[in-house]
C-alpha atoms as a PDB file:
ATOM      1  CA  UNK A   1       0.128  -0.255   0.159  1.00  0.00           C
ATOM      2  CA  UNK A   2       1.116   3.317  -0.638  1.00  0.00           C
ATOM      3  CA  UNK A   3       0.065   6.849   0.845  1.00  0.00           C
ATOM      4  CA  UNK A   4       1.142  10.456  -0.022  1.00  0.00           C
ATOM      5  CA  UNK A   5       0.791  12.691   3.195  1.00  0.00           C
ATOM      6  CA  UNK A   6       0.722  16.085   3.168  1.00  0.00           C
ATOM      7  CA  UNK A   7      -0.098  18.819   5.719  1.00  0.00           C
ATOM      8  CA  UNK A   8      -2.438  21.274   4.882  1.00  0.00           C
ATOM      9  CA  UNK A   9      -3.905  24.020   6.850  1.00  0.00           C
ATOM     10  CA  UNK A  10      -7.365  22.866   4.837  1.00  0.00           C
ATOM     11  CA  UNK A  11      -8.360  20.262   2.029  1.00  0.00           C
ATOM     12  CA  UNK A  12     -11.830  19.589   0.510  1.00  0.00           C
ATOM     13  CA  UNK A  13     -12.721  17.107  -2.301  1.00  0.00           C
ATOM     14  CA  UNK A  14     -15.773  17.652  -4.390  1.00  0.00           C
ATOM     15  CA  UNK A  15     -17.798  14.623  -6.844  1.00  0.00           C
ATOM     16  CA  UNK A  16     -20.067  16.536  -9.209  1.00  0.00           C
ATOM     17  CA  UNK A  17     -19.998  19.804  -8.126  1.00  0.00           C
ATOM     18  CA  UNK A  18     -20.574  18.550  -4.158  1.00  0.00           C
ATOM     19  CA  UNK A  19     -18.521  18.754  -1.391  1.00  0.00           C
ATOM     20  CA  UNK A  20     -18.016  15.331  -0.147  1.00  0.00           C
ATOM     21  CA  UNK A  21     -15.276  15.495   2.468  1.00  0.00           C
ATOM     22  CA  UNK A  22     -13.460  19.074   3.784  1.00  0.00           C
ATOM     23  CA  UNK A  23     -11.269  19.341   7.218  1.00  0.00           C
ATOM     24  CA  UNK A  24      -9.172  22.681   8.731  1.00  0.00           C
ATOM     25  CA  UNK A  25      -5.588  21.524   9.874  1.00  0.00           C
ATOM     26  CA  UNK A  26      -4.808  18.341   9.399  1.00  0.00           C
ATOM     27  CA  UNK A  27      -3.244  15.943   7.050  1.00  0.00           C
ATOM     28  CA  UNK A  28      -4.470  14.960   3.056  1.00  0.00           C
ATOM     29  CA  UNK A  29      -3.786  11.364   2.723  1.00  0.00           C
ATOM     30  CA  UNK A  30      -3.849  10.169  -0.809  1.00  0.00           C
ATOM     31  CA  UNK A  31      -4.089   6.197  -0.656  1.00  0.00           C
ATOM     32  CA  UNK A  32      -3.084   3.628  -3.074  1.00  0.00           C
ATOM     33  CA  UNK A  33      -3.832  -0.321  -2.950  1.00  0.00           C
ATOM     34  CA  UNK A  34      -1.694  -2.804  -4.659  1.00  0.00           C
ATOM     35  CA  UNK A  35      -2.463  -6.275  -5.443  1.00  0.00           C
ATOM     36  CA  UNK A  36      -0.531  -7.804  -2.914  1.00  0.00           C
ATOM     37  CA  UNK A  37      -1.943  -5.450  -0.206  1.00  0.00           C
ATOM     38  CA  UNK A  38      -3.780  -6.818   3.184  1.00  0.00           C
ATOM     39  CA  UNK A  39      -5.629  -5.631   6.201  1.00  0.00           C
ATOM     40  CA  UNK A  40      -1.910  -5.840   7.699  1.00  0.00           C
ATOM     41  CA  UNK A  41      -0.491  -3.107   5.531  1.00  0.00           C
ATOM     42  CA  UNK A  42      -3.809  -0.484   5.950  1.00  0.00           C
ATOM     43  CA  UNK A  43      -3.249  -1.003   9.894  1.00  0.00           C
ATOM     44  CA  UNK A  44       0.343  -0.238   9.376  1.00  0.00           C
ATOM     45  CA  UNK A  45      -0.344   2.900   7.295  1.00  0.00           C
ATOM     46  CA  UNK A  46      -2.577   4.006   9.498  1.00  0.00           C
ATOM     47  CA  UNK A  47      -0.983   3.797  12.781  1.00  0.00           C
ATOM     48  CA  UNK A  48       2.341   5.014  10.870  1.00  0.00           C
ATOM     49  CA  UNK A  49      -0.006   8.154   9.726  1.00  0.00           C
ATOM     50  CA  UNK A  50      -1.956   8.921  13.210  1.00  0.00           C
ATOM     51  CA  UNK A  51       1.766   9.244  14.833  1.00  0.00           C
ATOM     52  CA  UNK A  52       3.857  10.568  12.686  1.00  0.00           C
ATOM     53  CA  UNK A  53       5.423  13.651  13.842  1.00  0.00           C
ATOM     54  CA  UNK A  54       5.180  16.247  10.958  1.00  0.00           C
ATOM     55  CA  UNK A  55       3.591  19.249  12.996  1.00  0.00           C
ATOM     56  CA  UNK A  56       5.820  21.831  14.638  1.00  0.00           C
ATOM     57  CA  UNK A  57       5.983  22.064  18.666  1.00  0.00           C
ATOM     58  CA  UNK A  58       6.319  25.736  20.152  1.00  0.00           C
ATOM     59  CA  UNK A  59       9.732  25.928  19.132  1.00  0.00           C
ATOM     60  CA  UNK A  60       8.951  25.501  15.319  1.00  0.00           C
ATOM     61  CA  UNK A  61      10.364  21.881  15.526  1.00  0.00           C
ATOM     62  CA  UNK A  62       8.238  19.255  13.788  1.00  0.00           C
ATOM     63  CA  UNK A  63       7.402  17.283  16.938  1.00  0.00           C
ATOM     64  CA  UNK A  64       4.040  16.775  17.147  1.00  0.00           C
ATOM     65  CA  UNK A  65       1.860  14.278  15.568  1.00  0.00           C
ATOM     66  CA  UNK A  66      -1.862  14.234  13.920  1.00  0.00           C
ATOM     67  CA  UNK A  67      -2.941  13.188  17.401  1.00  0.00           C
ATOM     68  CA  UNK A  68      -1.331  15.617  19.652  1.00  0.00           C
ATOM     69  CA  UNK A  69      -2.273  18.759  17.936  1.00  0.00           C
ATOM     70  CA  UNK A  70      -6.105  17.526  17.304  1.00  0.00           C
ATOM     71  CA  UNK A  71      -6.211  17.682  13.600  1.00  0.00           C
ATOM     72  CA  UNK A  72      -8.153  16.040  10.999  1.00  0.00           C
ATOM     73  CA  UNK A  73      -7.415  13.760   8.119  1.00  0.00           C
ATOM     74  CA  UNK A  74      -9.145  14.008   4.476  1.00  0.00           C
ATOM     75  CA  UNK A  75      -8.655  10.168   2.722  1.00  0.00           C
ATOM     76  CA  UNK A  76      -8.805  10.385  -0.875  1.00  0.00           C
ATOM     77  CA  UNK A  77      -8.531   7.108  -2.803  1.00  0.00           C
ATOM     78  CA  UNK A  78      -5.587   7.090  -5.580  1.00  0.00           C
ATOM     79  CA  UNK A  79      -5.239   3.982  -7.910  1.00  0.00           C
ATOM     80  CA  UNK A  80      -2.485   6.361  -9.833  1.00  0.00           C
ATOM     81  CA  UNK A  81       0.159   5.908  -7.005  1.00  0.00           C
ATOM     82  CA  UNK A  82       0.786   2.371  -8.542  1.00  0.00           C
ATOM     83  CA  UNK A  83       1.288   3.346 -12.026  1.00  0.00           C
ATOM     84  CA  UNK A  84       4.602   1.989 -13.735  1.00  0.00           C
ATOM     85  CA  UNK A  85       6.046   4.221 -15.953  1.00  0.00           C
ATOM     86  CA  UNK A  86       9.313   2.771 -16.645  1.00  0.00           C
ATOM     87  CA  UNK A  87       8.634   2.075 -20.003  1.00  0.00           C
ATOM     88  CA  UNK A  88       6.776   4.048 -22.752  1.00  0.00           C
ATOM     89  CA  UNK A  89       5.151   6.916 -22.012  1.00  0.00           C
ATOM     90  CA  UNK A  90       1.864   5.454 -21.086  1.00  0.00           C
ATOM     91  CA  UNK A  91       1.351   4.058 -17.162  1.00  0.00           C
ATOM     92  CA  UNK A  92       0.655   0.818 -16.731  1.00  0.00           C
ATOM     93  CA  UNK A  93      -1.925  -0.084 -13.683  1.00  0.00           C
ATOM     94  CA  UNK A  94      -1.177  -3.760 -13.197  1.00  0.00           C
ATOM     95  CA  UNK A  95       0.272  -3.517 -10.028  1.00  0.00           C
ATOM     96  CA  UNK A  96      -2.569  -1.554  -8.743  1.00  0.00           C
ATOM     97  CA  UNK A  97      -5.482  -3.582  -7.011  1.00  0.00           C
ATOM     98  CA  UNK A  98      -8.465  -4.541  -8.697  1.00  0.00           C
ATOM     99  CA  UNK A  99     -11.768  -2.184  -7.459  1.00  0.00           C
ATOM    100  CA  UNK A 100     -13.073  -4.670  -5.017  1.00  0.00           C
ATOM    101  CA  UNK A 101      -9.868  -5.213  -3.270  1.00  0.00           C
ATOM    102  CA  UNK A 102      -8.489  -1.630  -3.041  1.00  0.00           C
ATOM    103  CA  UNK A 103     -12.173  -0.475  -2.024  1.00  0.00           C
ATOM    104  CA  UNK A 104     -12.032  -2.913   0.757  1.00  0.00           C
ATOM    105  CA  UNK A 105      -8.456  -1.761   2.046  1.00  0.00           C
ATOM    106  CA  UNK A 106      -9.262   1.816   1.326  1.00  0.00           C
ATOM    107  CA  UNK A 107     -12.021   1.934   3.922  1.00  0.00           C
ATOM    108  CA  UNK A 108      -9.991  -0.379   6.197  1.00  0.00           C
ATOM    109  CA  UNK A 109      -7.428   2.480   6.360  1.00  0.00           C
ATOM    110  CA  UNK A 110      -9.925   4.761   7.456  1.00  0.00           C
ATOM    111  CA  UNK A 111     -11.226   2.706   9.901  1.00  0.00           C
ATOM    112  CA  UNK A 112      -7.980   2.454  11.549  1.00  0.00           C
ATOM    113  CA  UNK A 113      -7.404   5.748  11.167  1.00  0.00           C
ATOM    114  CA  UNK A 114     -10.524   6.704  12.866  1.00  0.00           C
ATOM    115  CA  UNK A 115      -9.893   4.274  15.697  1.00  0.00           C
ATOM    116  CA  UNK A 116      -7.137   6.546  17.003  1.00  0.00           C
ATOM    117  CA  UNK A 117      -9.962   8.921  17.859  1.00  0.00           C
ATOM    118  CA  UNK A 118      -9.157  11.123  14.666  1.00  0.00           C
ATOM    119  CA  UNK A 119     -11.736  12.933  12.681  1.00  0.00           C
ATOM    120  CA  UNK A 120     -11.764  11.658   8.869  1.00  0.00           C
ATOM    121  CA  UNK A 121     -13.547  12.873   5.832  1.00  0.00           C
ATOM    122  CA  UNK A 122     -13.419  11.024   2.617  1.00  0.00           C
ATOM    123  CA  UNK A 123     -13.971  11.205  -1.383  1.00  0.00           C
ATOM    124  CA  UNK A 124     -15.802   8.657  -3.171  1.00  0.00           C
ATOM    125  CA  UNK A 125     -14.056   5.466  -3.859  1.00  0.00           C
ATOM    126  CA  UNK A 126     -13.646   5.250  -8.148  1.00  0.00           C
ATOM    127  CA  UNK A 127     -15.206   8.568  -8.504  1.00  0.00           C
ATOM    128  CA  UNK A 128     -13.687  11.467 -10.835  1.00  0.00           C
ATOM    129  CA  UNK A 129     -12.543  13.651  -7.927  1.00  0.00           C
ATOM    130  CA  UNK A 130     -11.745  17.700  -7.658  1.00  0.00           C
ATOM    131  CA  UNK A 131      -9.138  17.942  -4.638  1.00  0.00           C
ATOM    132  CA  UNK A 132      -8.580  21.617  -3.393  1.00  0.00           C
ATOM    133  CA  UNK A 133      -5.332  21.404  -1.071  1.00  0.00           C
ATOM    134  CA  UNK A 134      -4.018  24.356   1.018  1.00  0.00           C
ATOM    135  CA  UNK A 135      -0.180  22.941   1.834  1.00  0.00           C
ATOM    136  CA  UNK A 136       1.409  23.796   4.942  1.00  0.00           C
ATOM    137  CA  UNK A 137       5.183  24.119   4.603  1.00  0.00           C
ATOM    138  CA  UNK A 138       4.577  22.368   2.388  1.00  0.00           C
ATOM    139  CA  UNK A 139       5.034  19.116   4.037  1.00  0.00           C
ATOM    140  CA  UNK A 140       4.682  16.210   1.689  1.00  0.00           C
ATOM    141  CA  UNK A 141       5.810  12.458   2.391  1.00  0.00           C
ATOM    142  CA  UNK A 142       5.210   9.640   0.321  1.00  0.00           C
ATOM    143  CA  UNK A 143       5.361   6.030   2.594  1.00  0.00           C
ATOM    144  CA  UNK A 144       4.967   2.338   1.432  1.00  0.00           C
ATOM    145  CA  UNK A 145       3.978  -0.596   3.766  1.00  0.00           C
ATOM    146  CA  UNK A 146       6.417  -2.498   1.650  1.00  0.00           C
ATOM    147  CA  UNK A 147       9.034  -0.172   2.751  1.00  0.00           C
ATOM    148  CA  UNK A 148       9.823   0.486  -1.108  1.00  0.00           C
END
């Protein structure tokens, strides 16, 4: 499983012009699910997301987590994180999970994050979405549950 985390002052996602998720300060999380992923990958990355110390403390150092700040998370499915661009000019999606597994593990990631007490907003799995992100920093990190 691959995620891209962006620290944001606010973020929102719209589907067909309608807001489906919106947060204030916190994390924008793009989630991609691979063919070999399981619930363990979703749990690992949700735990990492909740506890990652990327928010500033009183001295301006990145020492606080989403849990420490009481921030929110906007989680959006993003199968294109598994785009393979090594050959040719058109990405291959063979490493991305099929929609049934992708949706299951995307929902599992959201559930695990919410179990930490984090308010989670979402997009709609498989929909064409317009995401508005107001980066804070900017701070952007890519994580892979397989350590790649």
